[in-house]
């Protein structure tokens, strides 16, 4: 069972990571920071292969709905890969973050249950990885207060993800940005640093958030632990997963209603693929830039059929979009069958399965968060007895 023993600063400060899918080559329009993260990821993967026990990954999801195919290819498969490689994986079900941009959290207990079932069905092992909820770990959230003193309002305003999410909330709901959303990068820093996480799998659009965490860690160490740095500056493990499109041609998203949930039935899967956008060209080719919707179906089909999108395109060829959708449907149904069978078995055992996973994970996370907060208070000089 995962002990979640907090590593000492000396063992966490220079961390790095198991062999994963190759990182895509640098594009000509790539920023220097993305190019550097991409280059560093190759080295991290080699280090994971040599010594996975050096690494603790913190990642997670907002429980705004059951997880879908985009989550599986984008994050879940990679988390399971790292877990199996021997990396310690810590997963936060970020229930507090549900209310960053909405007034109604919906059936939060039910949604959390669905997310945890998706984790387990995808291969997350609660004996090897830690699954916990934000709201159950008070000491983690208390770290937000001293961490907020380490960043400026201007730095938060410049965060591109905060700006994008605020604009989206205003467009969809006609509301201003909440204070919780505005401080989200610092709350994420608390998520990562409470357990001394030193490795965070991210897409390139999430790099500014991770840089905010690195800034918080660096400034805390400079101000309060200069002699012996306390927090690691976590590194980005840049993911190579494709962006998965929904059946409307936009990025797959719970909020857009264009997603194929992992818990969906075979009939749901067939309906999802049947409605998926393609284009007017009959001959099927894999051209991600020119034919993104067709390329998306080829990518999905190839992933679950154990081939490449290019070879799958050659297989379908002049048979057209109808044949492509038939091939992709068969690949998805068969490829997801084991996951869905495991999920049904777990769900049949009722709420007790999820309750047990969260009880154990919350206990582990609380033990570490309490120690970290005690250390932070000592470093701040706020221990009075």
Protein backbone atom coordinates (compact mmCIF):
# COMPACT_ATOMS: atom_id res chain seq x y z
CA UNK A 1 0.00 0.00 0.00
CA UNK A 2 1.17 3.51 -0.81
CA UNK A 3 2.59 5.06 2.32
CA UNK A 4 2.78 8.62 0.97
CA UNK A 5 5.71 9.31 3.26
CA UNK A 6 6.90 12.83 2.57
CA UNK A 7 10.36 12.75 0.96
CA UNK A 8 13.00 15.02 2.43
CA UNK A 9 13.80 18.16 0.45
CA UNK A 10 17.18 16.80 -0.55
CA UNK A 11 15.64 13.78 -2.27
CA UNK A 12 12.96 15.80 -4.03
CA UNK A 13 14.79 18.88 -5.23
CA UNK A 14 16.41 17.38 -8.31
CA UNK A 15 13.77 14.87 -9.35
CA UNK A 16 13.22 13.57 -12.85
CA UNK A 17 11.14 10.35 -14.62
CA UNK A 18 9.56 5.45 -17.53
CA UNK A 19 9.52 5.02 -21.12
CA UNK A 20 6.44 6.61 -22.60
CA UNK A 21 5.20 7.20 -26.11
CA UNK A 22 7.73 9.31 -28.00
CA UNK A 23 7.29 13.04 -27.60
CA UNK A 24 6.25 14.67 -30.88
CA UNK A 25 8.90 16.74 -32.65
CA UNK A 26 9.17 20.44 -32.07
CA UNK A 27 6.99 22.54 -34.35
CA UNK A 28 8.32 25.63 -36.04
CA UNK A 29 5.95 27.91 -34.13
CA UNK A 30 6.74 26.49 -30.72
CA UNK A 31 7.74 28.85 -27.93
CA UNK A 32 11.10 28.53 -26.22
CA UNK A 33 9.47 27.37 -22.97
CA UNK A 34 7.52 24.60 -24.70
CA UNK A 35 10.60 23.51 -26.64
CA UNK A 36 12.61 23.38 -23.41
CA UNK A 37 9.87 21.37 -21.66
CA UNK A 38 9.74 18.97 -24.59
CA UNK A 39 13.49 18.43 -24.50
CA UNK A 40 13.49 18.00 -20.72
CA UNK A 41 10.67 15.44 -20.94
CA UNK A 42 12.85 13.08 -22.95
CA UNK A 43 15.44 13.16 -20.18
CA UNK A 44 12.81 12.71 -17.49
CA UNK A 45 11.43 9.60 -19.18
CA UNK A 46 14.92 8.08 -19.24
CA UNK A 47 15.37 8.85 -15.53
CA UNK A 48 11.99 7.31 -14.69
CA UNK A 49 13.07 4.13 -16.42
CA UNK A 50 16.24 4.02 -14.30
CA UNK A 51 14.80 5.03 -10.94
CA UNK A 52 11.00 5.47 -10.81
CA UNK A 53 10.94 5.56 -7.02
CA UNK A 54 12.46 9.06 -7.06
CA UNK A 55 9.27 10.54 -8.40
CA UNK A 56 5.92 11.57 -7.02
CA UNK A 57 3.30 12.67 -9.53
CA UNK A 58 0.39 14.90 -8.55
CA UNK A 59 -2.47 15.18 -11.00
CA UNK A 60 -6.24 14.99 -10.95
CA UNK A 61 -9.61 16.13 -12.26
CA UNK A 62 -12.47 18.45 -11.47
CA UNK A 63 -15.54 16.26 -10.84
CA UNK A 64 -17.90 18.07 -13.19
CA UNK A 65 -19.04 14.86 -14.87
CA UNK A 66 -18.06 11.28 -15.57
CA UNK A 67 -14.81 10.93 -17.51
CA UNK A 68 -14.75 10.43 -21.26
CA UNK A 69 -12.59 9.15 -24.08
CA UNK A 70 -10.50 12.32 -24.14
CA UNK A 71 -9.58 11.79 -20.49
CA UNK A 72 -8.59 8.19 -21.17
CA UNK A 73 -6.21 9.00 -24.01
CA UNK A 74 -5.11 12.34 -22.62
CA UNK A 75 -4.39 11.54 -18.96
CA UNK A 76 -5.68 8.25 -17.55
CA UNK A 77 -3.60 5.94 -19.72
CA UNK A 78 -0.47 7.91 -18.82
CA UNK A 79 -1.24 7.82 -15.09
CA UNK A 80 -1.66 4.06 -15.21
CA UNK A 81 1.59 3.78 -17.19
CA UNK A 82 3.49 5.76 -14.58
CA UNK A 83 1.92 3.76 -11.73
CA UNK A 84 2.95 0.49 -13.37
CA UNK A 85 6.45 1.84 -13.94
CA UNK A 86 6.84 2.36 -10.19
CA UNK A 87 6.21 6.09 -9.92
CA UNK A 88 4.12 7.17 -6.94
CA UNK A 89 0.89 8.66 -8.30
CA UNK A 90 -1.31 10.99 -6.24
CA UNK A 91 -4.72 11.84 -7.70
CA UNK A 92 -6.83 14.72 -6.41
CA UNK A 93 -10.54 14.75 -7.12
CA UNK A 94 -10.73 18.53 -7.00
CA UNK A 95 -14.24 19.00 -5.66
CA UNK A 96 -13.55 22.52 -4.38
CA UNK A 97 -12.57 23.52 -7.91
CA UNK A 98 -16.02 22.67 -9.26
CA UNK A 99 -17.30 25.98 -7.90
CA UNK A 100 -14.56 28.10 -9.46
CA UNK A 101 -16.80 29.02 -12.41
CA UNK A 102 -20.31 27.82 -11.57
CA UNK A 103 -23.00 28.53 -9.01
CA UNK A 104 -24.43 25.02 -8.90
CA UNK A 105 -22.12 22.06 -8.30
CA UNK A 106 -24.88 19.60 -9.18
CA UNK A 107 -24.87 16.12 -7.69
CA UNK A 108 -21.30 16.35 -6.44
CA UNK A 109 -21.30 13.10 -4.40
CA UNK A 110 -22.66 11.21 -7.39
CA UNK A 111 -20.17 12.77 -9.80
CA UNK A 112 -17.22 12.09 -7.50
CA UNK A 113 -18.35 8.47 -7.32
CA UNK A 114 -18.42 8.22 -11.12
CA UNK A 115 -14.95 9.75 -11.47
CA UNK A 116 -13.44 7.34 -8.94
CA UNK A 117 -15.10 4.39 -10.68
CA UNK A 118 -13.55 5.60 -13.95
CA UNK A 119 -10.13 5.75 -12.28
CA UNK A 120 -10.42 2.22 -10.97
CA UNK A 121 -11.77 0.82 -14.22
CA UNK A 122 -8.94 2.42 -16.18
CA UNK A 123 -6.36 0.69 -13.98
CA UNK A 124 -5.62 3.01 -11.05
CA UNK A 125 -4.77 0.74 -8.11
CA UNK A 126 -5.66 2.28 -4.72
CA UNK A 127 -3.08 0.04 -3.08
CA UNK A 128 -0.34 1.67 -5.16
CA UNK A 129 -1.73 5.14 -5.85
CA UNK A 130 -3.50 7.67 -3.62
CA UNK A 131 -6.93 9.06 -4.53
CA UNK A 132 -8.28 11.87 -2.35
CA UNK A 133 -10.71 14.80 -2.42
CA UNK A 134 -9.82 18.46 -1.89
CA UNK A 135 -12.47 19.09 0.70
CA UNK A 136 -11.31 16.23 2.93
CA UNK A 137 -7.79 17.60 3.45
CA UNK A 138 -7.99 20.89 5.41
CA UNK A 139 -4.24 21.32 5.86
CA UNK A 140 -3.69 21.29 2.10
CA UNK A 141 -6.16 24.12 1.61
CA UNK A 142 -4.69 26.10 4.49
CA UNK A 143 -1.40 26.28 2.57
CA UNK A 144 -3.19 28.57 0.14
CA UNK A 145 -2.90 31.47 2.61
CA UNK A 146 0.90 31.75 2.89
CA UNK A 147 1.27 30.80 -0.76
CA UNK A 148 -0.91 33.74 -1.84
CA UNK A 149 1.60 36.08 -0.21
CA UNK A 150 4.24 34.85 -2.63
CA UNK A 151 2.56 35.98 -5.86
CA UNK A 152 1.30 39.32 -7.13
CA UNK A 153 -2.09 40.23 -8.55
CA UNK A 154 -0.41 41.13 -11.84
CA UNK A 155 1.14 37.65 -12.08
CA UNK A 156 -2.23 36.03 -11.57
CA UNK A 157 -3.88 38.34 -14.11
CA UNK A 158 -1.29 37.37 -16.71
CA UNK A 159 -1.93 33.63 -16.36
CA UNK A 160 -3.36 32.66 -19.78
CA UNK A 161 -5.50 29.82 -18.45
CA UNK A 162 -7.10 32.03 -15.81
CA UNK A 163 -7.90 34.61 -18.48
CA UNK A 164 -9.36 32.00 -20.81
CA UNK A 165 -11.46 30.36 -18.11
CA UNK A 166 -12.76 33.72 -16.89
CA UNK A 167 -13.80 34.68 -20.42
CA UNK A 168 -15.50 31.33 -20.86
CA UNK A 169 -17.40 31.69 -17.58
CA UNK A 170 -18.58 35.17 -18.57
CA UNK A 171 -19.65 33.98 -22.00
CA UNK A 172 -21.56 30.96 -20.72
CA UNK A 173 -22.99 32.32 -17.50
CA UNK A 174 -22.74 36.09 -17.64
CA UNK A 175 -20.85 36.20 -14.36
CA UNK A 176 -17.62 37.79 -13.26
CA UNK A 177 -14.54 35.85 -12.31
CA UNK A 178 -14.70 34.38 -8.83
CA UNK A 179 -11.86 34.85 -6.37
CA UNK A 180 -11.40 31.08 -6.33
CA UNK A 181 -10.90 31.00 -10.09
CA UNK A 182 -8.54 33.98 -9.93
CA UNK A 183 -6.37 32.21 -7.37
CA UNK A 184 -6.62 28.80 -9.04
CA UNK A 185 -2.90 28.64 -9.99
CA UNK A 186 -1.97 29.11 -6.33
CA UNK A 187 -4.47 26.53 -5.18
CA UNK A 188 -2.94 24.16 -7.71
CA UNK A 189 0.47 24.95 -6.22
CA UNK A 190 -0.88 23.83 -2.85
CA UNK A 191 -2.15 20.61 -4.44
CA UNK A 192 1.26 19.79 -5.83
CA UNK A 193 3.48 21.03 -3.01
CA UNK A 194 1.56 19.68 -0.02
CA UNK A 195 2.83 16.18 -0.90
CA UNK A 196 6.18 17.43 -2.25
CA UNK A 197 5.22 16.39 -5.75
CA UNK A 198 8.17 16.73 -8.10
CA UNK A 199 6.65 15.67 -11.42
CA UNK A 200 3.44 16.87 -13.09
CA UNK A 201 2.16 15.48 -16.40
CA UNK A 202 0.83 18.44 -18.41
CA UNK A 203 -0.11 19.53 -21.87
CA UNK A 204 1.74 22.56 -23.22
CA UNK A 205 -1.26 24.80 -22.45
CA UNK A 206 -0.84 23.97 -18.75
CA UNK A 207 2.79 25.00 -18.51
CA UNK A 208 1.95 28.49 -17.14
CA UNK A 209 0.12 26.87 -14.20
CA UNK A 210 3.10 24.68 -13.40
CA UNK A 211 5.42 27.66 -13.67
CA UNK A 212 3.25 29.37 -11.06
CA UNK A 213 3.81 26.39 -8.75
CA UNK A 214 7.56 26.53 -9.37
CA UNK A 215 7.49 30.24 -8.56
CA UNK A 216 5.66 29.63 -5.27
CA UNK A 217 8.12 26.89 -4.28
CA UNK A 218 11.17 28.97 -5.21
CA UNK A 219 10.00 32.09 -3.39
CA UNK A 220 8.99 30.15 -0.30
CA UNK A 221 12.42 28.56 -0.16
CA UNK A 222 14.17 31.91 -0.69
CA UNK A 223 12.19 33.69 2.02
CA UNK A 224 11.69 31.03 4.65
CA UNK A 225 14.06 28.12 3.98
CA UNK A 226 17.14 29.56 2.32
CA UNK A 227 19.58 27.36 4.24
CA UNK A 228 17.81 24.16 3.28
CA UNK A 229 15.13 24.45 0.56
CA UNK A 230 11.94 22.80 1.72
CA UNK A 231 9.77 22.50 -1.39
CA UNK A 232 10.89 20.98 -4.69
CA UNK A 233 10.36 22.91 -7.90
CA UNK A 234 8.25 20.35 -9.77
CA UNK A 235 9.08 19.53 -13.35
CA UNK A 236 6.73 19.18 -16.30
CA UNK A 237 6.34 15.81 -17.95
CA UNK A 238 4.99 17.04 -21.27
CA UNK A 239 2.36 14.63 -22.52
CA UNK A 240 2.28 13.51 -26.13
CA UNK A 241 -1.39 12.52 -26.16
CA UNK A 242 -3.47 13.81 -29.08
CA UNK A 243 -6.28 16.30 -28.62
CA UNK A 244 -9.42 14.17 -28.91
CA UNK A 245 -12.33 15.78 -30.77
CA UNK A 246 -15.97 15.26 -29.94
CA UNK A 247 -18.53 14.27 -32.53
CA UNK A 248 -19.12 17.96 -33.36
CA UNK A 249 -15.51 18.49 -34.42
CA UNK A 250 -14.60 20.57 -31.35
CA UNK A 251 -12.37 19.41 -28.50
CA UNK A 252 -14.12 16.69 -26.52
CA UNK A 253 -15.59 18.25 -23.40
CA UNK A 254 -18.09 17.34 -20.72
CA UNK A 255 -19.61 20.81 -20.88
CA UNK A 256 -20.13 20.76 -24.67
CA UNK A 257 -22.10 17.51 -24.65
CA UNK A 258 -19.94 16.14 -27.45
CA UNK A 259 -18.13 13.44 -25.48
CA UNK A 260 -18.17 9.66 -25.35
CA UNK A 261 -18.17 8.73 -21.68
CA UNK A 262 -16.13 5.76 -20.56
CA UNK A 263 -19.25 4.28 -18.95
CA UNK A 264 -21.24 4.50 -22.20
CA UNK A 265 -22.85 1.41 -23.75
CA UNK A 266 -21.93 -0.20 -27.04
CA UNK A 267 -25.04 1.39 -28.59
CA UNK A 268 -24.00 4.79 -27.24
CA UNK A 269 -20.58 4.28 -28.79
CA UNK A 270 -22.05 3.44 -32.20
CA UNK A 271 -24.31 6.51 -32.01
CA UNK A 272 -21.39 8.75 -31.07
CA UNK A 273 -19.30 7.61 -34.04
CA UNK A 274 -22.27 7.74 -36.40
CA UNK A 275 -22.76 11.45 -35.58
CA UNK A 276 -19.06 12.30 -35.83
CA UNK A 277 -18.13 14.91 -38.42
CA UNK A 278 -16.02 13.92 -41.41
CA UNK A 279 -15.75 15.77 -44.73
CA UNK A 280 -16.83 15.52 -48.36
CA UNK A 281 -13.80 13.60 -49.64
CA UNK A 282 -14.50 9.92 -50.17
CA UNK A 283 -10.94 8.59 -50.10
CA UNK A 284 -9.73 8.33 -46.51
CA UNK A 285 -6.29 9.79 -45.75
CA UNK A 286 -4.54 10.73 -42.53
CA UNK A 287 -3.94 14.47 -42.80
CA UNK A 288 -4.36 16.03 -39.32
CA UNK A 289 -4.02 19.64 -40.51
CA UNK A 290 -6.16 19.43 -43.65
CA UNK A 291 -8.71 16.84 -42.44
CA UNK A 292 -8.89 17.09 -38.61
CA UNK A 293 -12.22 15.29 -38.12
CA UNK A 294 -11.18 12.33 -40.28
CA UNK A 295 -7.77 12.28 -38.62
CA UNK A 296 -9.45 12.21 -35.20
CA UNK A 297 -11.50 9.12 -36.10
CA UNK A 298 -8.41 7.45 -37.52
CA UNK A 299 -6.47 8.24 -34.34
CA UNK A 300 -9.19 6.79 -32.11
CA UNK A 301 -9.63 3.70 -34.24
CA UNK A 302 -5.89 3.08 -34.51
CA UNK A 303 -5.37 3.51 -30.76
CA UNK A 304 -7.82 0.74 -29.91
CA UNK A 305 -7.02 -1.48 -32.90
CA UNK A 306 -3.31 -1.51 -32.13
CA UNK A 307 -2.21 0.04 -35.41
CA UNK A 308 -1.29 3.51 -36.71
CA UNK A 309 -3.64 6.14 -38.15
CA UNK A 310 -1.80 6.02 -41.45
CA UNK A 311 -2.15 2.27 -41.82
CA UNK A 312 -5.80 2.42 -40.82
CA UNK A 313 -6.38 5.09 -43.47
CA UNK A 314 -4.80 2.81 -46.10
CA UNK A 315 -7.01 -0.05 -44.92
CA UNK A 316 -10.19 2.00 -45.42
CA UNK A 317 -9.00 3.86 -48.49
CA UNK A 318 -11.71 4.50 -51.08
CA UNK A 319 -14.40 2.77 -49.02
CA UNK A 320 -15.25 6.17 -47.58
CA UNK A 321 -16.47 7.66 -44.32
CA UNK A 322 -19.16 5.02 -43.81
CA UNK A 323 -16.60 2.24 -43.73
CA UNK A 324 -14.28 4.35 -41.58
CA UNK A 325 -17.00 4.83 -38.98
CA UNK A 326 -17.79 1.13 -39.00
CA UNK A 327 -14.12 0.26 -38.40
CA UNK A 328 -13.76 2.87 -35.65
CA UNK A 329 -16.95 1.74 -33.91
CA UNK A 330 -15.76 -1.87 -33.85
CA UNK A 331 -12.34 -0.82 -32.52
CA UNK A 332 -13.85 1.33 -29.77
CA UNK A 333 -16.39 -1.26 -28.67
CA UNK A 334 -13.80 -4.03 -28.48
CA UNK A 335 -11.04 -1.86 -27.05
CA UNK A 336 -13.22 -0.44 -24.28
CA UNK A 337 -14.92 -3.74 -23.44
CA UNK A 338 -12.50 -4.76 -20.62
CA UNK A 339 -12.62 -1.31 -19.00
CA UNK A 340 -16.40 -1.19 -19.15
CA UNK A 341 -16.71 -4.71 -17.76
CA UNK A 342 -14.50 -3.78 -14.80
CA UNK A 343 -16.52 -0.63 -14.26
CA UNK A 344 -19.81 -2.53 -14.19
CA UNK A 345 -18.39 -4.99 -11.67
CA UNK A 346 -17.17 -2.18 -9.43
CA UNK A 347 -20.43 -0.25 -9.69
CA UNK A 348 -22.40 -3.37 -8.83
CA UNK A 349 -20.70 -3.41 -5.42
CA UNK A 350 -22.34 -0.08 -4.64
CA UNK A 351 -20.99 3.07 -2.96
CA UNK A 352 -18.85 1.06 -0.53
CA UNK A 353 -16.08 0.58 -3.10
CA UNK A 354 -15.63 4.31 -3.69
CA UNK A 355 -16.06 5.10 -0.01
CA UNK A 356 -13.25 2.71 0.89
CA UNK A 357 -10.90 4.10 -1.78
CA UNK A 358 -11.50 7.68 -0.64
CA UNK A 359 -11.31 6.84 3.06
CA UNK A 360 -7.86 5.32 2.57
CA UNK A 361 -6.67 8.00 0.18
CA UNK A 362 -7.95 10.86 2.33
CA UNK A 363 -6.25 9.39 5.39
CA UNK A 364 -2.91 9.20 3.57
CA UNK A 365 -3.25 12.70 2.14
CA UNK A 366 -4.22 14.17 5.52
CA UNK A 367 -1.21 12.60 7.22
CA UNK A 368 1.15 14.19 4.71
CA UNK A 369 -0.67 17.54 4.58
CA UNK A 370 -0.64 17.82 8.37
CA UNK A 371 3.13 17.24 8.45
CA UNK A 372 3.72 19.71 5.64
CA UNK A 373 1.59 22.40 7.26
CA UNK A 374 3.38 21.87 10.58
CA UNK A 375 6.73 22.29 8.82
CA UNK A 376 5.51 25.40 7.00
CA UNK A 377 4.25 26.97 10.22
CA UNK A 378 7.58 26.29 11.86
CA UNK A 379 9.44 27.88 8.95
CA UNK A 380 7.11 30.88 9.04
CA UNK A 381 7.59 31.25 12.76
CA UNK A 382 3.90 30.81 13.55
CA UNK A 383 4.24 28.05 16.17
CA UNK A 384 3.51 29.52 19.60
CA UNK A 385 3.37 26.56 21.94
